[in-house]
PDB file of N, CA and C in Angstrom:
ATOM      1  N   MET A   1     109.851 106.614 106.613  1.00  0.00           N
ATOM      2  CA  MET A   1     109.321 105.285 106.872  1.00  0.00           C
ATOM      3  C   MET A   1     107.958 105.399 107.535  1.00  0.00           C
ATOM      4  N   ASN A   2     107.202 104.369 107.411  1.00  0.00           N
ATOM      5  CA  ASN A   2     105.881 104.313 108.040  1.00  0.00           C
ATOM      6  C   ASN A   2     106.064 104.091 109.538  1.00  0.00           C
ATOM      7  N   ASN A   3     105.240 104.747 110.352  1.00  0.00           N
ATOM      8  CA  ASN A   3     105.254 104.411 111.770  1.00  0.00           C
ATOM      9  C   ASN A   3     103.848 104.005 112.168  1.00  0.00           C
ATOM     10  N   SER A   4     103.686 103.592 113.395  1.00  0.00           N
ATOM     11  CA  SER A   4     102.417 103.012 113.821  1.00  0.00           C
ATOM     12  C   SER A   4     101.259 104.006 113.743  1.00  0.00           C
ATOM     13  N   ASN A   5     101.524 105.295 113.633  1.00  0.00           N
ATOM     14  CA  ASN A   5     100.462 106.282 113.552  1.00  0.00           C
ATOM     15  C   ASN A   5     100.064 106.590 112.114  1.00  0.00           C
ATOM     16  N   ASN A   6     100.752 106.047 111.140  1.00  0.00           N
ATOM     17  CA  ASN A   6     100.478 106.331 109.735  1.00  0.00           C
ATOM     18  C   ASN A   6      99.992 105.081 109.032  1.00  0.00           C
ATOM     19  N   ALA A   7      98.680 104.906 109.022  1.00  0.00           N
ATOM     20  CA  ALA A   7      98.094 103.747 108.356  1.00  0.00           C
ATOM     21  C   ALA A   7      98.164 103.945 106.851  1.00  0.00           C
ATOM     22  N   LEU A   8      98.413 102.853 106.146  1.00  0.00           N
ATOM     23  CA  LEU A   8      98.373 102.897 104.685  1.00  0.00           C
ATOM     24  C   LEU A   8      96.928 102.849 104.232  1.00  0.00           C
ATOM     25  N   THR A   9      96.653 103.452 103.079  1.00  0.00           N
ATOM     26  CA  THR A   9      95.323 103.269 102.509  1.00  0.00           C
ATOM     27  C   THR A   9      95.223 101.821 102.039  1.00  0.00           C
ATOM     28  N   GLU A  10      94.014 101.361 101.877  1.00  0.00           N
ATOM     29  CA  GLU A  10      93.810  99.995 101.416  1.00  0.00           C
ATOM     30  C   GLU A  10      94.429  99.793 100.031  1.00  0.00           C
ATOM     31  N   ALA A  11      94.279 100.781  99.158  1.00  0.00           N
ATOM     32  CA  ALA A  11      94.839 100.674  97.810  1.00  0.00           C
ATOM     33  C   ALA A  11      96.363 100.547  97.861  1.00  0.00           C
ATOM     34  N   VAL A  12      97.011 101.373  98.656  1.00  0.00           N
ATOM     35  CA  VAL A  12      98.477 101.317  98.768  1.00  0.00           C
ATOM     36  C   VAL A  12      98.915  99.986  99.358  1.00  0.00           C
ATOM     37  N   TYR A  13      98.206  99.509 100.362  1.00  0.00           N
ATOM     38  CA  TYR A  13      98.534  98.215 100.965  1.00  0.00           C
ATOM     39  C   TYR A  13      98.501  97.108  99.910  1.00  0.00           C
ATOM     40  N   TYR A  14      97.438  97.058  99.128  1.00  0.00           N
ATOM     41  CA  TYR A  14      97.318  96.014  98.114  1.00  0.00           C
ATOM     42  C   TYR A  14      98.299  96.198  96.961  1.00  0.00           C
ATOM     43  N   ILE A  15      98.606  97.431  96.600  1.00  0.00           N
ATOM     44  CA  ILE A  15      99.612  97.663  95.553  1.00  0.00           C
ATOM     45  C   ILE A  15     100.961  97.133  96.019  1.00  0.00           C
ATOM     46  N   LEU A  16     101.331  97.432  97.256  1.00  0.00           N
ATOM     47  CA  LEU A  16     102.608  96.929  97.778  1.00  0.00           C
ATOM     48  C   LEU A  16     102.612  95.402  97.836  1.00  0.00           C
ATOM     49  N   LEU A  17     101.506  94.812  98.258  1.00  0.00           N
ATOM     50  CA  LEU A  17     101.416  93.346  98.258  1.00  0.00           C
ATOM     51  C   LEU A  17     101.582  92.789  96.847  1.00  0.00           C
ATOM     52  N   ALA A  18     100.913  93.415  95.899  1.00  0.00           N
ATOM     53  CA  ALA A  18     100.980  92.952  94.511  1.00  0.00           C
ATOM     54  C   ALA A  18     102.397  93.025  93.969  1.00  0.00           C
ATOM     55  N   LEU A  19     103.147  94.032  94.407  1.00  0.00           N
ATOM     56  CA  LEU A  19     104.488  94.247  93.853  1.00  0.00           C
ATOM     57  C   LEU A  19     105.581  93.453  94.556  1.00  0.00           C
ATOM     58  N   LEU A  20     105.195  92.464  95.349  1.00  0.00           N
ATOM     59  CA  LEU A  20     106.205  91.534  95.868  1.00  0.00           C
ATOM     60  C   LEU A  20     106.804  90.745  94.702  1.00  0.00           C
ATOM     61  N   SER A  21     106.081  90.709  93.595  1.00  0.00           N
ATOM     62  CA  SER A  21     106.593  90.180  92.318  1.00  0.00           C
ATOM     63  C   SER A  21     106.442  91.294  91.298  1.00  0.00           C
ATOM     64  N   PRO A  22     107.444  91.504  90.429  1.00  0.00           N
ATOM     65  CA  PRO A  22     107.357  92.595  89.453  1.00  0.00           C
ATOM     66  C   PRO A  22     106.116  92.483  88.570  1.00  0.00           C
ATOM     67  N   LEU A  23     105.460  93.622  88.352  1.00  0.00           N
ATOM     68  CA  LEU A  23     104.269  93.687  87.514  1.00  0.00           C
ATOM     69  C   LEU A  23     104.206  95.011  86.771  1.00  0.00           C
ATOM     70  N   HIS A  24     103.497  95.016  85.655  1.00  0.00           N
ATOM     71  CA  HIS A  24     103.201  96.253  84.931  1.00  0.00           C
ATOM     72  C   HIS A  24     101.865  96.781  85.448  1.00  0.00           C
ATOM     73  N   GLY A  25     101.496  97.981  85.030  1.00  0.00           N
ATOM     74  CA  GLY A  25     100.309  98.648  85.555  1.00  0.00           C
ATOM     75  C   GLY A  25      99.038  97.823  85.502  1.00  0.00           C
ATOM     76  N   TYR A  26      98.714  97.281  84.327  1.00  0.00           N
ATOM     77  CA  TYR A  26      97.487  96.501  84.210  1.00  0.00           C
ATOM     78  C   TYR A  26      97.555  95.258  85.096  1.00  0.00           C
ATOM     79  N   GLY A  27      98.732  94.654  85.191  1.00  0.00           N
ATOM     80  CA  GLY A  27      98.918  93.491  86.062  1.00  0.00           C
ATOM     81  C   GLY A  27      98.683  93.841  87.518  1.00  0.00           C
ATOM     82  N   ILE A  28      99.096  95.040  87.921  1.00  0.00           N
ATOM     83  CA  ILE A  28      98.874  95.490  89.299  1.00  0.00           C
ATOM     84  C   ILE A  28      97.374  95.636  89.550  1.00  0.00           C
ATOM     85  N   MET A  29      96.659  96.212  88.589  1.00  0.00           N
ATOM     86  CA  MET A  29      95.209  96.376  88.729  1.00  0.00           C
ATOM     87  C   MET A  29      94.528  95.020  88.865  1.00  0.00           C
ATOM     88  N   GLN A  30      94.946  94.058  88.067  1.00  0.00           N
ATOM     89  CA  GLN A  30      94.368  92.712  88.134  1.00  0.00           C
ATOM     90  C   GLN A  30      94.706  92.031  89.464  1.00  0.00           C
ATOM     91  N   ARG A  31      95.960  92.144  89.872  1.00  0.00           N
ATOM     92  CA  ARG A  31      96.406  91.458  91.096  1.00  0.00           C
ATOM     93  C   ARG A  31      95.733  92.032  92.340  1.00  0.00           C
ATOM     94  N   THR A  32      95.585  93.373  92.407  1.00  0.00           N
ATOM     95  CA  THR A  32      94.927  93.959  93.573  1.00  0.00           C
ATOM     96  C   THR A  32      93.464  93.519  93.633  1.00  0.00           C
ATOM     97  N   ALA A  33      92.808  93.422  92.490  1.00  0.00           N
ATOM     98  CA  ALA A  33      91.420  92.934  92.468  1.00  0.00           C
ATOM     99  C   ALA A  33      91.366  91.488  92.945  1.00  0.00           C
ATOM    100  N   GLU A  34      92.317  90.685  92.487  1.00  0.00           N
ATOM    101  CA  GLU A  34      92.375  89.269  92.885  1.00  0.00           C
ATOM    102  C   GLU A  34      92.628  89.131  94.387  1.00  0.00           C
ATOM    103  N   LEU A  35      93.613  89.866  94.896  1.00  0.00           N
ATOM    104  CA  LEU A  35      93.965  89.775  96.316  1.00  0.00           C
ATOM    105  C   LEU A  35      92.823  90.207  97.230  1.00  0.00           C
ATOM    106  N   SER A  36      92.018  91.160  96.763  1.00  0.00           N
ATOM    107  CA  SER A  36      90.917  91.672  97.579  1.00  0.00           C
ATOM    108  C   SER A  36      89.603  90.955  97.300  1.00  0.00           C
ATOM    109  N   GLY A  37      89.650  89.885  96.546  1.00  0.00           N
ATOM    110  CA  GLY A  37      88.433  89.147  96.227  1.00  0.00           C
ATOM    111  C   GLY A  37      87.485  89.950  95.350  1.00  0.00           C
ATOM    112  N   GLY A  38      88.027  90.873  94.561  1.00  0.00           N
ATOM    113  CA  GLY A  38      87.224  91.695  93.670  1.00  0.00           C
ATOM    114  C   GLY A  38      86.605  92.912  94.325  1.00  0.00           C
ATOM    115  N   ARG A  39      86.868  93.103  95.598  1.00  0.00           N
ATOM    116  CA  ARG A  39      86.303  94.234  96.338  1.00  0.00           C
ATOM    117  C   ARG A  39      86.981  95.550  96.003  1.00  0.00           C
ATOM    118  N   LEU A  40      88.284  95.499  95.720  1.00  0.00           N
ATOM    119  CA  LEU A  40      89.047  96.715  95.429  1.00  0.00           C
ATOM    120  C   LEU A  40      89.390  96.751  93.945  1.00  0.00           C
ATOM    121  N   LEU A  41      88.789  97.677  93.238  1.00  0.00           N
ATOM    122  CA  LEU A  41      89.057  97.858  91.818  1.00  0.00           C
ATOM    123  C   LEU A  41      89.701  99.222  91.643  1.00  0.00           C
ATOM    124  N   ILE A  42      90.979  99.213  91.280  1.00  0.00           N
ATOM    125  CA  ILE A  42      91.739 100.457  91.163  1.00  0.00           C
ATOM    126  C   ILE A  42      91.691 100.930  89.718  1.00  0.00           C
ATOM    127  N   SER A  43      91.315 102.188  89.516  1.00  0.00           N
ATOM    128  CA  SER A  43      91.294 102.750  88.166  1.00  0.00           C
ATOM    129  C   SER A  43      92.719 103.099  87.741  1.00  0.00           C
ATOM    130  N   ALA A  44      92.906 103.263  86.437  1.00  0.00           N
ATOM    131  CA  ALA A  44      94.236 103.592  85.911  1.00  0.00           C
ATOM    132  C   ALA A  44      94.743 104.910  86.491  1.00  0.00           C
ATOM    133  N   GLY A  45      93.875 105.909  86.576  1.00  0.00           N
ATOM    134  CA  GLY A  45      94.288 107.202  87.117  1.00  0.00           C
ATOM    135  C   GLY A  45      94.745 107.112  88.557  1.00  0.00           C
ATOM    136  N   THR A  46      94.009 106.386  89.363  1.00  0.00           N
ATOM    137  CA  THR A  46      94.367 106.183  90.768  1.00  0.00           C
ATOM    138  C   THR A  46      95.677 105.422  90.874  1.00  0.00           C
ATOM    139  N   LEU A  47      95.811 104.379  90.059  1.00  0.00           N
ATOM    140  CA  LEU A  47      97.009 103.554  90.105  1.00  0.00           C
ATOM    141  C   LEU A  47      98.252 104.353  89.775  1.00  0.00           C
ATOM    142  N   TYR A  48      98.233 105.084  88.663  1.00  0.00           N
ATOM    143  CA  TYR A  48      99.449 105.773  88.252  1.00  0.00           C
ATOM    144  C   TYR A  48      99.814 106.919  89.185  1.00  0.00           C
ATOM    145  N   GLY A  49      98.818 107.549  89.808  1.00  0.00           N
ATOM    146  CA  GLY A  49      99.112 108.538  90.847  1.00  0.00           C
ATOM    147  C   GLY A  49      99.763 107.884  92.054  1.00  0.00           C
ATOM    148  N   ALA A  50      99.232 106.723  92.444  1.00  0.00           N
ATOM    149  CA  ALA A  50      99.796 105.992  93.587  1.00  0.00           C
ATOM    150  C   ALA A  50     101.217 105.513  93.276  1.00  0.00           C
ATOM    151  N   LEU A  51     101.434 104.995  92.066  1.00  0.00           N
ATOM    152  CA  LEU A  51     102.770 104.518  91.703  1.00  0.00           C
ATOM    153  C   LEU A  51     103.788 105.648  91.764  1.00  0.00           C
ATOM    154  N   SER A  52     103.410 106.814  91.268  1.00  0.00           N
ATOM    155  CA  SER A  52     104.309 107.972  91.312  1.00  0.00           C
ATOM    156  C   SER A  52     104.637 108.346  92.751  1.00  0.00           C
ATOM    157  N   ASN A  53     103.624 108.371  93.596  1.00  0.00           N
ATOM    158  CA  ASN A  53     103.803 108.691  95.010  1.00  0.00           C
ATOM    159  C   ASN A  53     104.694 107.653  95.706  1.00  0.00           C
ATOM    160  N   LEU A  54     104.453 106.379  95.420  1.00  0.00           N
ATOM    161  CA  LEU A  54     105.235 105.312  96.052  1.00  0.00           C
ATOM    162  C   LEU A  54     106.694 105.342  95.586  1.00  0.00           C
ATOM    163  N   MET A  55     106.924 105.695  94.319  1.00  0.00           N
ATOM    164  CA  MET A  55     108.310 105.833  93.843  1.00  0.00           C
ATOM    165  C   MET A  55     108.988 107.013  94.526  1.00  0.00           C
ATOM    166  N   ASP A  56     108.258 108.135  94.689  1.00  0.00           N
ATOM    167  CA  ASP A  56     108.824 109.302  95.380  1.00  0.00           C
ATOM    168  C   ASP A  56     109.235 108.960  96.807  1.00  0.00           C
ATOM    169  N   LYS A  57     108.471 108.083  97.467  1.00  0.00           N
ATOM    170  CA  LYS A  57     108.791 107.669  98.841  1.00  0.00           C
ATOM    171  C   LYS A  57     109.897 106.619  98.894  1.00  0.00           C
ATOM    172  N   GLY A  58     110.235 106.047  97.737  1.00  0.00           N
ATOM    173  CA  GLY A  58     111.261 105.005  97.708  1.00  0.00           C
ATOM    174  C   GLY A  58     110.730 103.636  98.094  1.00  0.00           C
ATOM    175  N   TRP A  59     109.409 103.447  98.069  1.00  0.00           N
ATOM    176  CA  TRP A  59     108.810 102.179  98.464  1.00  0.00           C
ATOM    177  C   TRP A  59     108.701 101.202  97.305  1.00  0.00           C
ATOM    178  N   ILE A  60     108.700 101.720  96.080  1.00  0.00           N
ATOM    179  CA  ILE A  60     108.727 100.875  94.885  1.00  0.00           C
ATOM    180  C   ILE A  60     109.710 101.483  93.903  1.00  0.00           C
ATOM    181  N   GLU A  61     110.089 100.679  92.913  1.00  0.00           N
ATOM    182  CA  GLU A  61     110.968 101.186  91.867  1.00  0.00           C
ATOM    183  C   GLU A  61     110.502 100.665  90.522  1.00  0.00           C
ATOM    184  N   GLN A  62     110.801 101.457  89.505  1.00  0.00           N
ATOM    185  CA  GLN A  62     110.487 101.029  88.145  1.00  0.00           C
ATOM    186  C   GLN A  62     111.679 100.233  87.626  1.00  0.00           C
ATOM    187  N   LEU A  63     111.399  99.100  87.036  1.00  0.00           N
ATOM    188  CA  LEU A  63     112.453  98.276  86.463  1.00  0.00           C
ATOM    189  C   LEU A  63     112.839  98.824  85.106  1.00  0.00           C
ATOM    190  N   GLU A  64     114.009  98.416  84.629  1.00  0.00           N
ATOM    191  CA  GLU A  64     114.444  98.850  83.304  1.00  0.00           C
ATOM    192  C   GLU A  64     113.449  98.377  82.263  1.00  0.00           C
ATOM    193  N   VAL A  65     113.135  99.268  81.327  1.00  0.00           N
ATOM    194  CA  VAL A  65     112.193  98.927  80.263  1.00  0.00           C
ATOM    195  C   VAL A  65     112.902  98.031  79.254  1.00  0.00           C
ATOM    196  N   VAL A  66     112.249  96.927  78.919  1.00  0.00           N
ATOM    197  CA  VAL A  66     112.788  95.997  77.933  1.00  0.00           C
ATOM    198  C   VAL A  66     112.692  96.654  76.559  1.00  0.00           C
ATOM    199  N   ALA A  67     113.717  96.476  75.742  1.00  0.00           N
ATOM    200  CA  ALA A  67     113.715  97.057  74.399  1.00  0.00           C
ATOM    201  C   ALA A  67     112.455  96.645  73.650  1.00  0.00           C
ATOM    202  N   ASP A  68     111.898  97.585  72.885  1.00  0.00           N
ATOM    203  CA  ASP A  68     110.698  97.365  72.076  1.00  0.00           C
ATOM    204  C   ASP A  68     109.453  97.085  72.916  1.00  0.00           C
ATOM    205  N   SER A  69     109.448  97.459  74.177  1.00  0.00           N
ATOM    206  CA  SER A  69     108.274  97.263  75.025  1.00  0.00           C
ATOM    207  C   SER A  69     107.820  98.612  75.561  1.00  0.00           C
ATOM    208  N   ARG A  70     106.514  98.803  75.603  1.00  0.00           N
ATOM    209  CA  ARG A  70     105.966 100.033  76.183  1.00  0.00           C
ATOM    210  C   ARG A  70     105.588  99.811  77.639  1.00  0.00           C
ATOM    211  N   ARG A  71     105.603  98.586  78.086  1.00  0.00           N
ATOM    212  CA  ARG A  71     105.208  98.270  79.454  1.00  0.00           C
ATOM    213  C   ARG A  71     106.286  98.676  80.448  1.00  0.00           C
ATOM    214  N   LYS A  72     105.838  99.365  81.483  1.00  0.00           N
ATOM    215  CA  LYS A  72     106.729  99.697  82.585  1.00  0.00           C
ATOM    216  C   LYS A  72     106.398  98.737  83.716  1.00  0.00           C
ATOM    217  N   GLU A  73     107.414  98.078  84.230  1.00  0.00           N
ATOM    218  CA  GLU A  73     107.217  97.166  85.347  1.00  0.00           C
ATOM    219  C   GLU A  73     107.770  97.786  86.611  1.00  0.00           C
ATOM    220  N   TYR A  74     107.137  97.444  87.721  1.00  0.00           N
ATOM    221  CA  TYR A  74     107.492  97.977  89.028  1.00  0.00           C
ATOM    222  C   TYR A  74     107.682  96.827  90.004  1.00  0.00           C
ATOM    223  N   GLN A  75     108.463  97.103  91.059  1.00  0.00           N
ATOM    224  CA  GLN A  75     108.604  96.128  92.138  1.00  0.00           C
ATOM    225  C   GLN A  75     108.815  96.874  93.440  1.00  0.00           C
ATOM    226  N   ILE A  76     108.502  96.196  94.521  1.00  0.00           N
ATOM    227  CA  ILE A  76     108.662  96.774  95.851  1.00  0.00           C
ATOM    228  C   ILE A  76     110.156  96.835  96.195  1.00  0.00           C
ATOM    229  N   THR A  77     110.548  97.852  96.963  1.00  0.00           N
ATOM    230  CA  THR A  77     111.928  97.972  97.443  1.00  0.00           C
ATOM    231  C   THR A  77     112.009  97.404  98.861  1.00  0.00           C
ATOM    232  N   ALA A  78     113.217  97.338  99.390  1.00  0.00           N
ATOM    233  CA  ALA A  78     113.391  96.878 100.775  1.00  0.00           C
ATOM    234  C   ALA A  78     112.655  97.816 101.736  1.00  0.00           C
ATOM    235  N   ALA A  79     112.715  99.121 101.476  1.00  0.00           N
ATOM    236  CA  ALA A  79     112.010 100.084 102.327  1.00  0.00           C
ATOM    237  C   ALA A  79     110.500  99.871 102.231  1.00  0.00           C
ATOM    238  N   GLY A  80     110.011  99.600 101.032  1.00  0.00           N
ATOM    239  CA  GLY A  80     108.591  99.341 100.846  1.00  0.00           C
ATOM    240  C   GLY A  80     108.141  98.081 101.559  1.00  0.00           C
ATOM    241  N   ARG A  81     108.981  97.061 101.507  1.00  0.00           N
ATOM    242  CA  ARG A  81     108.641  95.816 102.196  1.00  0.00           C
ATOM    243  C   ARG A  81     108.583  96.039 103.709  1.00  0.00           C
ATOM    244  N   GLU A  82     109.497  96.850 104.224  1.00  0.00           N
ATOM    245  CA  GLU A  82     109.480  97.155 105.659  1.00  0.00           C
ATOM    246  C   GLU A  82     108.191  97.882 106.043  1.00  0.00           C
ATOM    247  N   VAL A  83     107.774  98.841 105.230  1.00  0.00           N
ATOM    248  CA  VAL A  83     106.526  99.566 105.475  1.00  0.00           C
ATOM    249  C   VAL A  83     105.347  98.591 105.432  1.00  0.00           C
ATOM    250  N   LEU A  84     105.350  97.693 104.441  1.00  0.00           N
ATOM    251  CA  LEU A  84     104.287  96.707 104.306  1.00  0.00           C
ATOM    252  C   LEU A  84     104.234  95.789 105.525  1.00  0.00           C
ATOM    253  N   GLU A  85     105.374  95.347 106.007  1.00  0.00           N
ATOM    254  CA  GLU A  85     105.415  94.480 107.186  1.00  0.00           C
ATOM    255  C   GLU A  85     104.929  95.220 108.432  1.00  0.00           C
ATOM    256  N   GLN A  86     105.281  96.501 108.556  1.00  0.00           N
ATOM    257  CA  GLN A  86     104.806  97.300 109.689  1.00  0.00           C
ATOM    258  C   GLN A  86     103.287  97.453 109.632  1.00  0.00           C
ATOM    259  N   GLU A  87     102.767  97.670 108.425  1.00  0.00           N
ATOM    260  CA  GLU A  87     101.315  97.805 108.286  1.00  0.00           C
ATOM    261  C   GLU A  87     100.619  96.488 108.594  1.00  0.00           C
ATOM    262  N   PHE A  88     101.193  95.384 108.157  1.00  0.00           N
ATOM    263  CA  PHE A  88     100.620  94.079 108.461  1.00  0.00           C
ATOM    264  C   PHE A  88     100.542  93.874 109.975  1.00  0.00           C
ATOM    265  N   ALA A  89     101.612  94.216 110.685  1.00  0.00           N
ATOM    266  CA  ALA A  89     101.629  94.067 112.145  1.00  0.00           C
ATOM    267  C   ALA A  89     100.576  94.965 112.789  1.00  0.00           C
ATOM    268  N   ARG A  90     100.399  96.177 112.256  1.00  0.00           N
ATOM    269  CA  ARG A  90      99.382  97.086 112.787  1.00  0.00           C
ATOM    270  C   ARG A  90      97.982  96.508 112.578  1.00  0.00           C
ATOM    271  N   LEU A  91      97.725  95.988 111.385  1.00  0.00           N
ATOM    272  CA  LEU A  91      96.418  95.400 111.092  1.00  0.00           C
ATOM    273  C   LEU A  91      96.167  94.150 111.932  1.00  0.00           C
ATOM    274  N   GLU A  92      97.209  93.361 112.121  1.00  0.00           N
ATOM    275  CA  GLU A  92      97.086  92.156 112.945  1.00  0.00           C
ATOM    276  C   GLU A  92      96.725  92.534 114.382  1.00  0.00           C
ATOM    277  N   GLU A  93      97.336  93.596 114.893  1.00  0.00           N
ATOM    278  CA  GLU A  93      97.014  94.061 116.245  1.00  0.00           C
ATOM    279  C   GLU A  93      95.551  94.500 116.332  1.00  0.00           C
ATOM    280  N   LEU A  94      95.064  95.195 115.302  1.00  0.00           N
ATOM    281  CA  LEU A  94      93.666  95.611 115.283  1.00  0.00           C
ATOM    282  C   LEU A  94      92.733  94.408 115.353  1.00  0.00           C
ATOM    283  N   VAL A  95      93.025  93.392 114.549  1.00  0.00           N
ATOM    284  CA  VAL A  95      92.192  92.193 114.521  1.00  0.00           C
ATOM    285  C   VAL A  95      92.252  91.473 115.860  1.00  0.00           C
ATOM    286  N   ASN A  96      93.441  91.307 116.409  1.00  0.00           N
ATOM    287  CA  ASN A  96      93.587  90.614 117.692  1.00  0.00           C
ATOM    288  C   ASN A  96      92.867  91.348 118.815  1.00  0.00           C
ATOM    289  N   ASN A  97      92.962  92.677 118.822  1.00  0.00           N
ATOM    290  CA  ASN A  97      92.244  93.455 119.844  1.00  0.00           C
ATOM    291  C   ASN A  97      90.733  93.310 119.670  1.00  0.00           C
ATOM    292  N   GLY A  98      90.275  93.340 118.434  1.00  0.00           N
ATOM    293  CA  GLY A  98      88.849  93.154 118.182  1.00  0.00           C
ATOM    294  C   GLY A  98      88.360  91.782 118.624  1.00  0.00           C
ATOM    295  N   LYS A  99      89.130  90.753 118.324  1.00  0.00           N
ATOM    296  CA  LYS A  99      88.757  89.394 118.748  1.00  0.00           C
ATOM    297  C   LYS A  99      88.690  89.303 120.266  1.00  0.00           C
ATOM    298  N   ARG A 100      89.682  89.894 120.929  1.00  0.00           N
ATOM    299  CA  ARG A 100      89.735  89.828 122.389  1.00  0.00           C
ATOM    300  C   ARG A 100      88.549  90.549 123.006  1.00  0.00           C
ATOM    301  N   ILE A 101      88.272  91.746 122.517  1.00  0.00           N
ATOM    302  CA  ILE A 101      87.204  92.560 123.104  1.00  0.00           C
ATOM    303  C   ILE A 101      85.818  92.004 122.754  1.00  0.00           C
ATOM    304  N   LEU A 102      85.687  91.517 121.528  1.00  0.00           N
ATOM    305  CA  LEU A 102      84.393  90.964 121.105  1.00  0.00           C
ATOM    306  C   LEU A 102      84.215  89.519 121.534  1.00  0.00           C
ATOM    307  N   LYS A 103      85.271  88.949 122.136  1.00  0.00           N
ATOM    308  CA  LYS A 103      85.280  87.541 122.580  1.00  0.00           C
ATOM    309  C   LYS A 103      84.937  86.591 121.431  1.00  0.00           C
ATOM    310  N   MET A 104      85.676  86.777 120.354  1.00  0.00           N
ATOM    311  CA  MET A 104      85.467  85.938 119.162  1.00  0.00           C
ATOM    312  C   MET A 104      86.591  84.939 119.019  1.00  0.00           C
TER     313      MET A 104
END
């Protein structure tokens, strides 16, 4: 599991956010770009390496392939959602500390 000393990369954070609803690879690439306002553009090679890594960690799972479809769909697992929530809390703390110190 993720702990407070292990920050997620921005790409992994957005992939996990995107997979709160099941998506196929191209859909994940589109959704991460949308969620980041077009700032984060994930290439296919980066995405599929990340998906493999996230499945190995048990943070996402591949759904059953529909007959006659080549698309593989993925979704976040309960463990992945917990990691995502922990990362959100870590990022929120960073922002709150910055606001407090910068008096914003």
